[in-house]
Amino acid sequence: PKERHDDDDDDDWISVDPIPGGFICNLGDMLARWTNGIYVSTPHRVLRPKTDRISVPFFYDPNYDALVEPIDALVEKSGHPPCFDSIMYGDHLLAKTSTNFKY
């Protein structure tokens, strides 16, 4: 897989070398919101590997009508005010998926 440096504004990607017996877990936008940025949602993509690999994507999302906002205890732990406004998950999902493809 390729991961983008979160401090880069360009299209530079770094390789993530496989570790035997290991796995990669990409965190999404909702965990970034709930944790007030303690965990970062990383842009990612996977390029076709030169060797066989097993890929089992699994997505676990809130209910479409769930209100997502930073959790108070994690805002305190982060040491700064809330970084994200409250949002209904369905509104976020629609906004994100409507920009996935150029028509």
C-alpha atoms as a PDB file:
ATOM      1  CA  PRO A   1       0.000   0.000   0.000  1.00  0.00           C
ATOM      2  CA  LYS A   2       0.966   3.603  -0.382  1.00  0.00           C
ATOM      3  CA  GLU A   3       0.446   6.172   2.366  1.00  0.00           C
ATOM      4  CA  ARG A   4       0.641   9.911   1.918  1.00  0.00           C
ATOM      5  CA  HIS A   5       2.561  12.020   4.397  1.00  0.00           C
ATOM      6  CA  ASP A   6      -0.064  13.952   6.330  1.00  0.00           C
ATOM      7  CA  ASP A   7       2.098  17.085   6.243  1.00  0.00           C
ATOM      8  CA  ASP A   8       2.518  17.052   2.457  1.00  0.00           C
ATOM      9  CA  ASP A   9       0.381  19.196   0.195  1.00  0.00           C
ATOM     10  CA  ASP A  10       1.453  17.437  -2.977  1.00  0.00           C
ATOM     11  CA  ASP A  11       1.078  13.941  -4.347  1.00  0.00           C
ATOM     12  CA  ASP A  12       4.135  12.387  -2.695  1.00  0.00           C
ATOM     13  CA  TRP A  13       3.404   8.890  -1.444  1.00  0.00           C
ATOM     14  CA  ILE A  14       5.554   6.566   0.619  1.00  0.00           C
ATOM     15  CA  SER A  15       5.624   2.794   0.401  1.00  0.00           C
ATOM     16  CA  VAL A  16       4.517   0.731   3.369  1.00  0.00           C
ATOM     17  CA  ASP A  17       6.484  -2.494   3.224  1.00  0.00           C
ATOM     18  CA  PRO A  18       4.618  -5.628   4.269  1.00  0.00           C
ATOM     19  CA  ILE A  19       5.533  -7.238   7.579  1.00  0.00           C
ATOM     20  CA  PRO A  20       5.009 -11.013   7.616  1.00  0.00           C
ATOM     21  CA  GLY A  21       1.961 -11.797   9.736  1.00  0.00           C
ATOM     22  CA  GLY A  22       1.102  -8.111  10.065  1.00  0.00           C
ATOM     23  CA  PHE A  23      -1.792  -6.030   8.846  1.00  0.00           C
ATOM     24  CA  ILE A  24      -2.531  -2.409   8.080  1.00  0.00           C
ATOM     25  CA  CYS A  25      -5.466  -0.563   9.552  1.00  0.00           C
ATOM     26  CA  ASN A  26      -6.417   2.728   7.921  1.00  0.00           C
ATOM     27  CA  LEU A  27      -8.469   4.982  10.159  1.00  0.00           C
ATOM     28  CA  GLY A  28     -11.202   7.060   8.642  1.00  0.00           C
ATOM     29  CA  ASP A  29     -12.693  10.501   8.941  1.00  0.00           C
ATOM     30  CA  MET A  30     -15.115   9.652  11.746  1.00  0.00           C
ATOM     31  CA  LEU A  31     -12.360   8.456  14.113  1.00  0.00           C
ATOM     32  CA  ALA A  32     -10.463  11.657  13.394  1.00  0.00           C
ATOM     33  CA  ARG A  33     -13.581  13.654  14.373  1.00  0.00           C
ATOM     34  CA  TRP A  34     -14.421  11.590  17.458  1.00  0.00           C
ATOM     35  CA  THR A  35     -10.820  11.788  18.736  1.00  0.00           C
ATOM     36  CA  ASN A  36     -10.461  15.505  17.941  1.00  0.00           C
ATOM     37  CA  GLY A  37      -7.525  14.768  15.675  1.00  0.00           C
ATOM     38  CA  ILE A  38      -5.649  12.451  18.055  1.00  0.00           C
ATOM     39  CA  TYR A  39      -6.015   9.821  15.330  1.00  0.00           C
ATOM     40  CA  VAL A  40      -5.592  11.048  11.768  1.00  0.00           C
ATOM     41  CA  SER A  41      -7.588   9.908   8.767  1.00  0.00           C
ATOM     42  CA  THR A  42      -4.985   9.084   6.142  1.00  0.00           C
ATOM     43  CA  PRO A  43      -5.518   9.303   2.405  1.00  0.00           C
ATOM     44  CA  HIS A  44      -4.456   5.946   1.005  1.00  0.00           C
ATOM     45  CA  ARG A  45      -4.409   3.825  -2.101  1.00  0.00           C
ATOM     46  CA  VAL A  46      -3.179   0.390  -2.961  1.00  0.00           C
ATOM     47  CA  LEU A  47      -1.098  -0.355  -6.012  1.00  0.00           C
ATOM     48  CA  ARG A  48      -1.094  -3.835  -7.499  1.00  0.00           C
ATOM     49  CA  PRO A  49       1.647  -5.790  -5.695  1.00  0.00           C
ATOM     50  CA  LYS A  50       4.270  -7.821  -7.531  1.00  0.00           C
ATOM     51  CA  THR A  51       3.555 -10.800  -5.272  1.00  0.00           C
ATOM     52  CA  ASP A  52       0.375 -12.397  -3.981  1.00  0.00           C
ATOM     53  CA  ARG A  53      -1.322 -10.828  -1.006  1.00  0.00           C
ATOM     54  CA  ILE A  54      -4.551 -11.152   0.879  1.00  0.00           C
ATOM     55  CA  SER A  55      -6.712  -8.059   1.154  1.00  0.00           C
ATOM     56  CA  VAL A  56      -9.856  -8.052   3.262  1.00  0.00           C
ATOM     57  CA  PRO A  57     -11.372  -4.574   3.291  1.00  0.00           C
ATOM     58  CA  PHE A  58     -13.847  -3.982   6.080  1.00  0.00           C
ATOM     59  CA  PHE A  59     -15.717  -0.755   6.654  1.00  0.00           C
ATOM     60  CA  TYR A  60     -17.522  -0.001   9.882  1.00  0.00           C
ATOM     61  CA  ASP A  61     -19.534   3.183   9.760  1.00  0.00           C
ATOM     62  CA  PRO A  62     -21.961   4.965  12.061  1.00  0.00           C
ATOM     63  CA  ASN A  63     -25.666   5.017  11.289  1.00  0.00           C
ATOM     64  CA  TYR A  64     -26.590   7.365   8.466  1.00  0.00           C
ATOM     65  CA  ASP A  65     -28.453   9.646  10.911  1.00  0.00           C
ATOM     66  CA  ALA A  66     -25.767   9.590  13.651  1.00  0.00           C
ATOM     67  CA  LEU A  67     -24.461  12.923  14.903  1.00  0.00           C
ATOM     68  CA  VAL A  68     -20.650  12.785  14.874  1.00  0.00           C
ATOM     69  CA  GLU A  69     -18.684  15.248  16.981  1.00  0.00           C
ATOM     70  CA  PRO A  70     -15.502  15.250  19.051  1.00  0.00           C
ATOM     71  CA  ILE A  71     -15.871  13.295  22.304  1.00  0.00           C
ATOM     72  CA  ASP A  72     -15.435  15.600  25.317  1.00  0.00           C
ATOM     73  CA  ALA A  73     -12.844  13.395  27.080  1.00  0.00           C
ATOM     74  CA  LEU A  74     -10.771  13.227  23.889  1.00  0.00           C
ATOM     75  CA  VAL A  75     -11.041  16.975  23.304  1.00  0.00           C
ATOM     76  CA  GLU A  76      -9.558  17.381  26.783  1.00  0.00           C
ATOM     77  CA  LYS A  77      -6.880  14.761  26.083  1.00  0.00           C
ATOM     78  CA  SER A  78      -5.960  16.436  22.776  1.00  0.00           C
ATOM     79  CA  GLY A  79      -5.175  19.658  24.637  1.00  0.00           C
ATOM     80  CA  HIS A  80      -6.930  21.978  22.210  1.00  0.00           C
ATOM     81  CA  PRO A  81     -10.477  23.104  21.432  1.00  0.00           C
ATOM     82  CA  PRO A  82     -12.667  20.973  19.145  1.00  0.00           C
ATOM     83  CA  CYS A  83     -11.105  20.793  15.680  1.00  0.00           C
ATOM     84  CA  PHE A  84     -14.287  19.605  13.973  1.00  0.00           C
ATOM     85  CA  ASP A  85     -17.868  20.786  13.823  1.00  0.00           C
ATOM     86  CA  SER A  86     -20.686  18.352  14.508  1.00  0.00           C
ATOM     87  CA  ILE A  87     -22.014  16.624  11.391  1.00  0.00           C
ATOM     88  CA  MET A  88     -24.602  14.030  10.523  1.00  0.00           C
ATOM     89  CA  TYR A  89     -22.757  11.005   9.200  1.00  0.00           C
ATOM     90  CA  GLY A  90     -25.009  10.712   6.146  1.00  0.00           C
ATOM     91  CA  ASP A  91     -24.243  14.307   5.142  1.00  0.00           C
ATOM     92  CA  HIS A  92     -20.522  13.615   5.434  1.00  0.00           C
ATOM     93  CA  LEU A  93     -20.783  10.376   3.451  1.00  0.00           C
ATOM     94  CA  LEU A  94     -22.769  12.008   0.662  1.00  0.00           C
ATOM     95  CA  ALA A  95     -20.319  14.914   0.409  1.00  0.00           C
ATOM     96  CA  LYS A  96     -17.327  12.563   0.363  1.00  0.00           C
ATOM     97  CA  THR A  97     -18.679  10.028  -2.141  1.00  0.00           C
ATOM     98  CA  SER A  98     -20.009  12.685  -4.496  1.00  0.00           C
ATOM     99  CA  THR A  99     -16.412  13.817  -5.118  1.00  0.00           C
ATOM    100  CA  ASN A 100     -14.909  10.352  -5.717  1.00  0.00           C
ATOM    101  CA  PHE A 101     -15.375  10.401  -9.471  1.00  0.00           C
ATOM    102  CA  LYS A 102     -15.152  13.060 -12.145  1.00  0.00           C
ATOM    103  CA  TYR A 103     -18.178  13.050 -14.441  1.00  0.00           C
END
